[in-house]
Each structure stands twice: as C-alpha cells, then as structure tokens.
Amino acid sequence: MVLLGCIEPEAGNQIADPSLRGLKFTDLQSHTPAAPSEPQLSFTVLTYELDNASLNSLSKVFRRLTRHDIRYDNKTAFDANGFAVGSAAGQRTSEVARALKEIGAERVKQGRVIVPRGAYEFLTEIPMDAQSMRFPTSHRTVGQVSLDKGKLGWLLSVKHDESEQKSALVQLEPAFWKEGMSDLRLLSGKVPYKYQTFDVGRATLEMQPGQLCVLAPAGVILQQQTLCRRLFAGNEQTTTFLVILFNGAGR
C-alpha cells in the first residue's frame, strides 16, 4: 500500500511578500522530521501572480534557469500549449528570487507537499463544468477530450529511482480529476480521485535538495485554446505560475 502525501496551506500572515525581503529559497527548507515508517519527500510550492501585460518579462527569469536536463513526453506539444519549465540550484536560486522581484511577480500563496516516492499530489485545482475541451497536440494539430464536471490542475508525482536516494525524480503534468475510484487514496484514508493526465504537458526532471523549478507560461498567452490558458489563468488581468522547491528526503 502506498501512503500519499498532503498539502499544507500557508498561514494567512505569511502570504504575499513579492520582494521576499532577503529570504533565500534555501531558507524555506523544512526541518520537520517525517514519519519514521515511510520515506518522505518535502516540497515547498509557491504560487506567483503576474500582470498579463508583463508576461513576456518571464524570459528574464528563465534566463537564470537551465532546461537541459528536463525530459518531455512530447516537446513539440509542450511548446505548442505555451508551457515553460526550468530549474536552478545553489546561488542561482537567489538570482531567480531577484528576477521575480524585478518583473513585479507577487507571491500570493505558499504551501508544502509531503509525498513518498511512487505517489502523487495535486498542486493546483481549477473547478470545471462538464465540457468538451480542445488543445494543441503539435504546432499544427489539435486534440479534443470530453470531460465531466471536476477539476483541472497540475499533478506532481515522484517516480521510483533507487540510484540516488537523496534526489527526487519529479514528474509534472496537467491532469483532470473528480471524486471516484482511486484505491490508493481510499486505502490511505484520503478523498479518492479518478484522474486522467495530459501527456502533451508532461515534463520530468531530477531534483536535488535545495533545487527549485519554475513552471510557467512561456510568454504572452494568446487567445487560441491551449492548456496553458486554462492552467495558469488568474483573473482577467493576471496570470499565475508556480515555483517548486525540493526541500529533501528523510524518514
């Protein structure tokens, strides 16, 4: 039986300090010991908000990130849907924090995800009514899927990787879910989900403790139907995106 993780919302007085006031991403690492019976991996998830008119300035953030070691199920479809992901470690994390401040990105939410290897957790959720949804499967082709009433969001899962226990092989992908028949969550006492993922937005990277990744739009979100428009939608004037820090693993 696999025990699944949980996301802990940030206390109200910790929300939204866009400048970070000198806070380094490494300062966000958790020092709380995990349950002794199961190896746990801890992630800090920061949600940022940026004015739509400033979306192209995200390129200043991605210039401080590396994208060389990221694997995609379908890189062409990933790009066609408007996604971008990159990672940073060491001193680069402070450079990313400064770049976020410079472009005017505001941190609006902070949470912690604790998940064992081989398990998953949802990082975001957007309520949806039953509908037929279209999205690019390449720069020239479009796919379509019929969805029931449920939620759309980003799914984080940690794949089994016995070669290096200190690192985490992290997979990020869009997913749709609803309450249903998910035996693992049901057996572990959590709300059961029935979900399906979109491989056109799937990316995998290996993360070391203290390393972060940024999951965001590649730039201005155009009007055509893409998964990017749905997954990063804020309000009419803003767009949201994620900064995910891997705190480390323990027991």
Protein backbone atom coordinates (compact mmCIF):
# COMPACT_ATOMS: atom_id res chain seq x y z
CA MET A 1 0.00 0.00 0.00
CA VAL A 2 1.30 3.45 -0.90
CA LEU A 3 0.68 6.29 1.52
CA LEU A 4 0.01 9.54 -0.26
CA GLY A 5 1.13 13.00 0.72
CA CYS A 6 -0.75 16.12 1.67
CA ILE A 7 -0.51 19.82 1.01
CA GLU A 8 -0.47 22.16 3.96
CA PRO A 9 -1.80 25.67 3.32
CA GLU A 10 0.25 28.63 4.41
CA ALA A 11 -0.85 30.60 7.42
CA GLY A 12 -2.64 33.83 6.48
CA ASN A 13 0.06 36.15 7.79
CA GLN A 14 2.72 34.53 5.60
CA ILE A 15 1.08 35.24 2.26
CA ALA A 16 2.33 37.66 -0.35
CA ASP A 17 5.70 39.27 0.11
CA PRO A 18 6.70 39.91 -3.50
CA SER A 19 10.18 41.15 -2.62
CA LEU A 20 10.85 38.11 -0.38
CA ARG A 21 12.71 40.67 1.81
CA GLY A 22 16.02 38.89 1.52
CA LEU A 23 14.56 35.44 2.04
CA LYS A 24 16.54 32.79 0.20
CA PHE A 25 14.79 29.78 -1.28
CA THR A 26 17.04 27.54 0.81
CA ASP A 27 15.54 29.16 3.92
CA LEU A 28 12.23 27.52 3.00
CA GLN A 29 13.57 24.03 3.55
CA SER A 30 11.58 22.07 6.09
CA HIS A 31 13.29 20.82 9.25
CA THR A 32 10.29 18.85 10.49
CA PRO A 33 11.08 15.11 10.64
CA ALA A 34 8.83 12.89 8.52
CA ALA A 35 7.03 9.79 9.67
CA PRO A 36 9.55 7.07 10.59
CA SER A 37 7.81 4.26 8.72
CA GLU A 38 7.88 5.73 5.21
CA PRO A 39 10.50 7.72 3.25
CA GLN A 40 9.06 11.20 2.70
CA LEU A 41 9.95 13.90 0.21
CA SER A 42 9.14 17.51 1.05
CA PHE A 43 8.41 20.26 -1.48
CA THR A 44 7.60 23.92 -0.92
CA VAL A 45 5.18 25.21 -3.55
CA LEU A 46 4.99 28.97 -4.15
CA THR A 47 2.22 30.43 -6.32
CA TYR A 48 3.06 33.72 -8.03
CA GLU A 49 0.82 36.18 -9.82
CA LEU A 50 1.92 38.46 -12.65
CA ASP A 51 0.10 41.11 -14.63
CA ASN A 52 -0.81 39.87 -18.11
CA ALA A 53 0.92 42.84 -19.72
CA SER A 54 4.21 41.70 -18.12
CA LEU A 55 4.14 38.04 -19.16
CA ASN A 56 6.93 38.43 -21.70
CA SER A 57 9.20 39.54 -18.86
CA LEU A 58 9.18 35.93 -17.60
CA SER A 59 12.02 35.43 -20.10
CA LYS A 60 14.25 37.32 -17.61
CA VAL A 61 13.50 34.61 -15.05
CA PHE A 62 14.07 31.73 -17.46
CA ARG A 63 17.46 33.16 -18.50
CA ARG A 64 18.58 32.27 -14.95
CA LEU A 65 17.26 28.71 -15.25
CA THR A 66 18.54 25.62 -17.02
CA ARG A 67 16.35 23.45 -19.24
CA HIS A 68 18.98 20.98 -20.47
CA ASP A 69 18.17 18.05 -18.18
CA ILE A 70 14.37 18.14 -18.50
CA ARG A 71 12.66 15.30 -20.37
CA TYR A 72 9.35 15.73 -22.19
CA ASP A 73 6.90 13.15 -23.45
CA ASN A 74 6.23 15.45 -26.41
CA LYS A 75 8.35 18.61 -26.52
CA THR A 76 6.57 19.96 -29.60
CA ALA A 77 3.14 19.66 -27.95
CA PHE A 78 4.53 21.06 -24.69
CA ASP A 79 5.71 24.18 -26.53
CA ALA A 80 2.52 24.43 -28.60
CA ASN A 81 0.47 24.60 -25.39
CA GLY A 82 2.56 27.54 -24.18
CA PHE A 83 4.34 25.85 -21.26
CA ALA A 84 7.84 26.54 -19.97
CA VAL A 85 9.80 24.85 -17.18
CA GLY A 86 13.34 25.34 -15.90
CA SER A 87 15.39 24.62 -12.79
CA ALA A 88 18.08 26.27 -10.69
CA ALA A 89 20.32 25.24 -7.80
CA GLY A 90 22.83 26.87 -5.47
CA GLN A 91 23.45 30.58 -5.99
CA ARG A 92 21.13 30.59 -8.98
CA THR A 93 18.11 30.28 -6.67
CA SER A 94 18.81 33.73 -5.21
CA GLU A 95 19.15 35.11 -8.73
CA VAL A 96 15.72 33.69 -9.56
CA ALA A 97 14.26 35.38 -6.47
CA ARG A 98 15.71 38.72 -7.55
CA ALA A 99 14.41 38.27 -11.09
CA LEU A 100 10.90 37.56 -9.81
CA LYS A 101 11.02 40.78 -7.80
CA GLU A 102 12.33 42.77 -10.78
CA ILE A 103 9.48 41.73 -13.09
CA GLY A 104 6.84 42.52 -10.47
CA ALA A 105 5.72 38.95 -9.72
CA GLU A 106 3.78 38.76 -6.45
CA ARG A 107 3.76 35.68 -4.24
CA VAL A 108 0.13 35.01 -3.36
CA LYS A 109 0.26 31.53 -1.85
CA GLN A 110 2.70 29.16 -0.19
CA GLY A 111 2.20 25.52 0.70
CA ARG A 112 4.11 22.36 1.49
CA VAL A 113 3.67 19.00 -0.20
CA ILE A 114 4.94 15.84 1.52
CA VAL A 115 4.84 12.77 -0.68
CA PRO A 116 6.54 9.34 -0.70
CA ARG A 117 8.31 8.01 -3.77
CA GLY A 118 5.84 6.49 -6.19
CA ALA A 119 2.98 8.72 -5.01
CA TYR A 120 1.37 11.91 -6.31
CA GLU A 121 -0.28 15.14 -5.18
CA PHE A 122 -2.19 17.92 -6.95
CA LEU A 123 -0.51 21.33 -6.78
CA THR A 124 -3.35 23.45 -8.20
CA GLU A 125 -7.04 22.99 -8.87
CA ILE A 126 -9.48 24.82 -11.15
CA PRO A 127 -13.19 23.82 -10.93
CA MET A 128 -14.71 22.90 -14.31
CA ASP A 129 -18.19 22.11 -15.57
CA ALA A 130 -18.76 19.20 -17.97
CA GLN A 131 -17.43 20.22 -21.36
CA SER A 132 -15.52 19.29 -24.48
CA MET A 133 -12.02 20.77 -24.42
CA ARG A 134 -9.63 21.35 -27.33
CA PHE A 135 -5.85 21.81 -27.10
CA PRO A 136 -2.81 21.55 -29.38
CA THR A 137 -1.12 18.19 -29.85
CA SER A 138 1.55 19.82 -32.06
CA HIS A 139 2.04 23.20 -33.72
CA ARG A 140 -0.37 22.12 -36.49
CA THR A 141 -2.75 19.59 -34.93
CA VAL A 142 -5.44 19.85 -32.27
CA GLY A 143 -6.81 17.22 -29.89
CA GLN A 144 -10.14 17.11 -28.13
CA VAL A 145 -11.38 15.47 -24.94
CA SER A 146 -14.81 15.30 -23.28
CA LEU A 147 -14.68 15.91 -19.52
CA ASP A 148 -17.24 15.51 -16.78
CA LYS A 149 -17.66 18.06 -14.02
CA GLY A 150 -14.46 18.10 -11.98
CA LYS A 151 -11.17 19.92 -11.58
CA LEU A 152 -8.17 20.72 -13.74
CA GLY A 153 -4.70 21.33 -12.33
CA TRP A 154 -1.04 20.39 -12.11
CA LEU A 155 -0.10 16.97 -10.78
CA LEU A 156 3.27 16.30 -9.11
CA SER A 157 4.42 12.71 -8.82
CA VAL A 158 7.72 11.27 -7.61
CA LYS A 159 8.96 8.30 -9.61
CA HIS A 160 10.91 5.42 -8.05
CA ASP A 161 14.64 5.95 -8.60
CA GLU A 162 16.83 3.68 -6.50
CA SER A 163 20.09 5.03 -7.93
CA GLU A 164 20.15 8.12 -5.72
CA GLN A 165 18.11 8.31 -2.55
CA LYS A 166 18.87 11.99 -1.88
CA SER A 167 17.46 13.17 -5.21
CA ALA A 168 13.87 13.11 -6.45
CA LEU A 169 12.77 12.16 -9.95
CA VAL A 170 9.85 14.57 -10.29
CA GLN A 171 7.17 14.43 -12.96
CA LEU A 172 4.89 17.41 -13.60
CA GLU A 173 1.83 17.13 -15.82
CA PRO A 174 -1.64 18.61 -16.34
CA ALA A 175 -4.46 16.43 -15.05
CA PHE A 176 -8.24 16.36 -14.79
CA TRP A 177 -9.86 14.62 -11.83
CA LYS A 178 -13.05 14.06 -9.93
CA GLU A 179 -14.06 12.07 -6.89
CA GLY A 180 -14.16 8.46 -7.93
CA MET A 181 -12.40 5.12 -7.75
CA SER A 182 -8.77 5.66 -6.76
CA ASP A 183 -7.96 2.74 -4.45
CA LEU A 184 -4.63 4.07 -3.16
CA ARG A 185 -6.05 7.31 -1.76
CA LEU A 186 -9.09 5.47 -0.42
CA LEU A 187 -6.97 2.93 1.45
CA SER A 188 -4.81 5.66 2.97
CA GLY A 189 -7.84 7.49 4.34
CA LYS A 190 -7.84 10.32 1.79
CA VAL A 191 -10.51 11.58 -0.61
CA PRO A 192 -10.48 9.16 -3.59
CA TYR A 193 -9.81 10.63 -7.03
CA LYS A 194 -10.34 9.36 -10.51
CA TYR A 195 -7.99 11.31 -12.77
CA GLN A 196 -6.54 11.41 -16.25
CA THR A 197 -3.37 13.17 -17.33
CA PHE A 198 -2.39 15.10 -20.47
CA ASP A 199 0.91 13.79 -21.80
CA VAL A 200 1.23 16.86 -24.06
CA GLY A 201 2.21 18.83 -20.94
CA ARG A 202 4.32 16.20 -19.16
CA ALA A 203 7.87 17.05 -18.06
CA THR A 204 10.28 15.07 -15.87
CA LEU A 205 13.39 16.29 -14.06
CA GLU A 206 15.71 15.08 -11.33
CA MET A 207 15.89 17.46 -8.37
CA GLN A 208 18.48 17.67 -5.60
CA PRO A 209 17.75 19.12 -2.12
CA GLY A 210 17.71 22.92 -2.34
CA GLN A 211 16.97 22.90 -6.07
CA LEU A 212 13.93 24.71 -7.46
CA CYS A 213 11.97 24.63 -10.68
CA VAL A 214 9.70 27.23 -12.26
CA LEU A 215 6.57 26.08 -14.10
CA ALA A 216 5.03 28.97 -16.03
CA PRO A 217 3.74 30.24 -19.37
CA ALA A 218 6.45 30.68 -21.99
CA GLY A 219 5.21 34.22 -22.61
CA VAL A 220 2.02 36.04 -23.52
CA ILE A 221 -0.93 33.64 -23.51
CA LEU A 222 -2.69 34.03 -26.83
CA GLN A 223 -6.42 33.71 -27.37
CA GLN A 224 -6.44 30.30 -29.03
CA GLN A 225 -7.38 27.31 -26.91
CA THR A 226 -4.36 25.89 -25.10
CA LEU A 227 -3.87 24.07 -21.82
CA CYS A 228 -1.67 26.97 -20.73
CA ARG A 229 -4.59 29.38 -20.84
CA ARG A 230 -6.61 27.13 -18.56
CA LEU A 231 -3.93 26.02 -16.12
CA PHE A 232 -2.32 29.40 -15.43
CA ALA A 233 -5.43 31.57 -15.52
CA GLY A 234 -5.61 34.11 -12.68
CA ASN A 235 -8.25 36.76 -13.23
CA GLU A 236 -8.87 38.92 -16.30
CA GLN A 237 -5.74 40.99 -15.61
CA THR A 238 -3.33 38.42 -14.15
CA THR A 239 -1.72 35.03 -14.72
CA THR A 240 -0.43 32.62 -12.07
CA PHE A 241 2.58 30.31 -12.15
CA LEU A 242 4.49 28.00 -9.79
CA VAL A 243 7.92 27.90 -8.15
CA ILE A 244 8.60 24.46 -6.62
CA LEU A 245 11.47 23.88 -4.19
CA PHE A 246 12.65 20.40 -3.23
CA ASN A 247 13.50 20.53 0.47
CA GLY A 248 14.90 17.00 0.71
CA ALA A 249 14.06 13.46 1.72
CA GLY A 250 14.04 11.69 5.07
CA ARG A 251 12.21 9.21 7.26
